[in-house]
Amino acid sequence: MIKRFNRYPLIVNPSGQATEFIMNEYKDKKITKTSFLDDAFRKNLESALCFCNLLLVQYVESYDPILNPVLNREHAIWEPCMLLKSKTVMLT
């Protein structure tokens, strides 16, 4: 189900089973775990976008709307960048 949709999923996961599933499903890829409460959240997000790495955001009770353009894939295919707040991030 995760791979079937065009948008990135936002999964409510109080038991932690989805996190375990995702980590097992993508164990051969680089996954960065972060949270909106993490001081390095924006850096982790920018890095994941720039280098096409997976980003697992946990504890989303304090959701940051900076993630909206990413979840909605709000960039054109021919544009190699995405605007996050006032910063342009290059996509590779």
C-alpha atoms as a PDB file:
ATOM      1  CA  MET A   1       0.000   0.000   0.000  1.00  0.00           C
ATOM      2  CA  ILE A   2       2.883   2.375   0.759  1.00  0.00           C
ATOM      3  CA  LYS A   3       4.352   1.987  -2.739  1.00  0.00           C
ATOM      4  CA  ARG A   4       1.023   2.320  -4.587  1.00  0.00           C
ATOM      5  CA  PHE A   5       0.355   6.014  -4.112  1.00  0.00           C
ATOM      6  CA  ASN A   6       1.873   9.148  -5.625  1.00  0.00           C
ATOM      7  CA  ARG A   7       2.048  10.971  -2.293  1.00  0.00           C
ATOM      8  CA  TYR A   8       4.360  10.046   0.528  1.00  0.00           C
ATOM      9  CA  PRO A   9       2.471   8.410   3.385  1.00  0.00           C
ATOM     10  CA  LEU A  10       1.938   9.887   6.814  1.00  0.00           C
ATOM     11  CA  ILE A  11       1.355   6.860   9.037  1.00  0.00           C
ATOM     12  CA  VAL A  12      -0.107   7.065  12.540  1.00  0.00           C
ATOM     13  CA  ASN A  13       1.833   4.418  14.420  1.00  0.00           C
ATOM     14  CA  PRO A  14       1.192   4.315  18.186  1.00  0.00           C
ATOM     15  CA  SER A  15       2.314   0.680  18.551  1.00  0.00           C
ATOM     16  CA  GLY A  16       5.587   1.031  16.626  1.00  0.00           C
ATOM     17  CA  GLN A  17       4.808  -1.876  14.273  1.00  0.00           C
ATOM     18  CA  ALA A  18       4.819   0.323  11.160  1.00  0.00           C
ATOM     19  CA  THR A  19       8.273   1.644  12.033  1.00  0.00           C
ATOM     20  CA  GLU A  20       9.561  -1.898  12.396  1.00  0.00           C
ATOM     21  CA  PHE A  21       7.945  -2.881   9.068  1.00  0.00           C
ATOM     22  CA  ILE A  22       9.422   0.108   7.217  1.00  0.00           C
ATOM     23  CA  MET A  23      12.899  -0.478   8.647  1.00  0.00           C
ATOM     24  CA  ASN A  24      12.736  -4.137   7.532  1.00  0.00           C
ATOM     25  CA  GLU A  25      11.219  -3.322   4.127  1.00  0.00           C
ATOM     26  CA  TYR A  26      13.944  -0.796   3.290  1.00  0.00           C
ATOM     27  CA  LYS A  27      16.853  -2.325   5.211  1.00  0.00           C
ATOM     28  CA  ASP A  28      19.095  -2.194   2.122  1.00  0.00           C
ATOM     29  CA  LYS A  29      18.656   1.601   1.790  1.00  0.00           C
ATOM     30  CA  LYS A  30      19.888   4.446   3.952  1.00  0.00           C
ATOM     31  CA  ILE A  31      17.106   5.523   6.319  1.00  0.00           C
ATOM     32  CA  THR A  32      17.482   8.525   8.588  1.00  0.00           C
ATOM     33  CA  LYS A  33      15.208   8.600  11.619  1.00  0.00           C
ATOM     34  CA  THR A  34      14.269  12.039  12.903  1.00  0.00           C
ATOM     35  CA  SER A  35      11.489  13.923  14.641  1.00  0.00           C
ATOM     36  CA  PHE A  36      10.066  17.440  14.478  1.00  0.00           C
ATOM     37  CA  LEU A  37      11.507  17.914  17.964  1.00  0.00           C
ATOM     38  CA  ASP A  38      15.008  17.043  16.732  1.00  0.00           C
ATOM     39  CA  ASP A  39      17.229  20.133  16.406  1.00  0.00           C
ATOM     40  CA  ALA A  40      18.646  18.684  13.172  1.00  0.00           C
ATOM     41  CA  PHE A  41      15.217  17.997  11.611  1.00  0.00           C
ATOM     42  CA  ARG A  42      15.487  20.556   8.793  1.00  0.00           C
ATOM     43  CA  LYS A  43      19.063  19.536   8.038  1.00  0.00           C
ATOM     44  CA  ASN A  44      17.977  15.874   7.886  1.00  0.00           C
ATOM     45  CA  LEU A  45      15.064  16.790   5.599  1.00  0.00           C
ATOM     46  CA  GLU A  46      17.275  18.802   3.242  1.00  0.00           C
ATOM     47  CA  SER A  47      19.885  16.053   3.160  1.00  0.00           C
ATOM     48  CA  ALA A  48      17.283  13.370   2.402  1.00  0.00           C
ATOM     49  CA  LEU A  49      15.875  15.474  -0.448  1.00  0.00           C
ATOM     50  CA  CYS A  50      19.291  16.313  -1.899  1.00  0.00           C
ATOM     51  CA  PHE A  51      20.653  12.777  -1.840  1.00  0.00           C
ATOM     52  CA  CYS A  52      17.397  10.819  -2.410  1.00  0.00           C
ATOM     53  CA  ASN A  53      17.639   9.103   0.964  1.00  0.00           C
ATOM     54  CA  LEU A  54      14.697   7.869   2.975  1.00  0.00           C
ATOM     55  CA  LEU A  55      13.558   9.950   5.935  1.00  0.00           C
ATOM     56  CA  LEU A  56      11.470   8.439   8.708  1.00  0.00           C
ATOM     57  CA  VAL A  57       9.878  11.176  10.813  1.00  0.00           C
ATOM     58  CA  GLN A  58       8.730   9.948  14.201  1.00  0.00           C
ATOM     59  CA  TYR A  59       6.677  11.579  16.947  1.00  0.00           C
ATOM     60  CA  VAL A  60       4.664  13.870  14.665  1.00  0.00           C
ATOM     61  CA  GLU A  61       2.443  15.230  17.421  1.00  0.00           C
ATOM     62  CA  SER A  62       4.113  18.598  16.859  1.00  0.00           C
ATOM     63  CA  TYR A  63       3.788  18.591  13.043  1.00  0.00           C
ATOM     64  CA  ASP A  64       5.817  21.161  11.094  1.00  0.00           C
ATOM     65  CA  PRO A  65       4.082  22.445   7.919  1.00  0.00           C
ATOM     66  CA  ILE A  66       7.489  22.651   6.214  1.00  0.00           C
ATOM     67  CA  LEU A  67       6.829  19.012   5.287  1.00  0.00           C
ATOM     68  CA  ASN A  68       3.671  19.829   3.265  1.00  0.00           C
ATOM     69  CA  PRO A  69       5.405  20.497  -0.098  1.00  0.00           C
ATOM     70  CA  VAL A  70       7.340  17.256   0.330  1.00  0.00           C
ATOM     71  CA  LEU A  71       4.291  15.132   1.194  1.00  0.00           C
ATOM     72  CA  ASN A  72       2.364  16.699  -1.701  1.00  0.00           C
ATOM     73  CA  ARG A  73       5.337  16.411  -4.101  1.00  0.00           C
ATOM     74  CA  GLU A  74       4.953  20.070  -4.989  1.00  0.00           C
ATOM     75  CA  HIS A  75       7.726  20.409  -7.520  1.00  0.00           C
ATOM     76  CA  ALA A  76       7.732  19.965 -11.266  1.00  0.00           C
ATOM     77  CA  ILE A  77       9.703  17.088 -12.753  1.00  0.00           C
ATOM     78  CA  TRP A  78      11.911  19.472 -14.717  1.00  0.00           C
ATOM     79  CA  GLU A  79      12.694  21.601 -11.657  1.00  0.00           C
ATOM     80  CA  PRO A  80      15.671  20.166  -9.781  1.00  0.00           C
ATOM     81  CA  CYS A  81      14.816  22.034  -6.598  1.00  0.00           C
ATOM     82  CA  MET A  82      12.120  22.484  -3.973  1.00  0.00           C
ATOM     83  CA  LEU A  83      11.425  25.559  -1.871  1.00  0.00           C
ATOM     84  CA  LEU A  84      11.274  24.835   1.866  1.00  0.00           C
ATOM     85  CA  LYS A  85      10.219  27.983   3.698  1.00  0.00           C
ATOM     86  CA  SER A  86      12.680  30.525   2.276  1.00  0.00           C
ATOM     87  CA  LYS A  87      15.426  28.046   1.375  1.00  0.00           C
ATOM     88  CA  THR A  88      15.796  26.322  -1.995  1.00  0.00           C
ATOM     89  CA  VAL A  89      16.878  22.678  -1.778  1.00  0.00           C
ATOM     90  CA  MET A  90      18.427  20.996  -4.810  1.00  0.00           C
ATOM     91  CA  LEU A  91      16.954  17.579  -5.665  1.00  0.00           C
ATOM     92  CA  THR A  92      19.133  14.946  -7.307  1.00  0.00           C
END
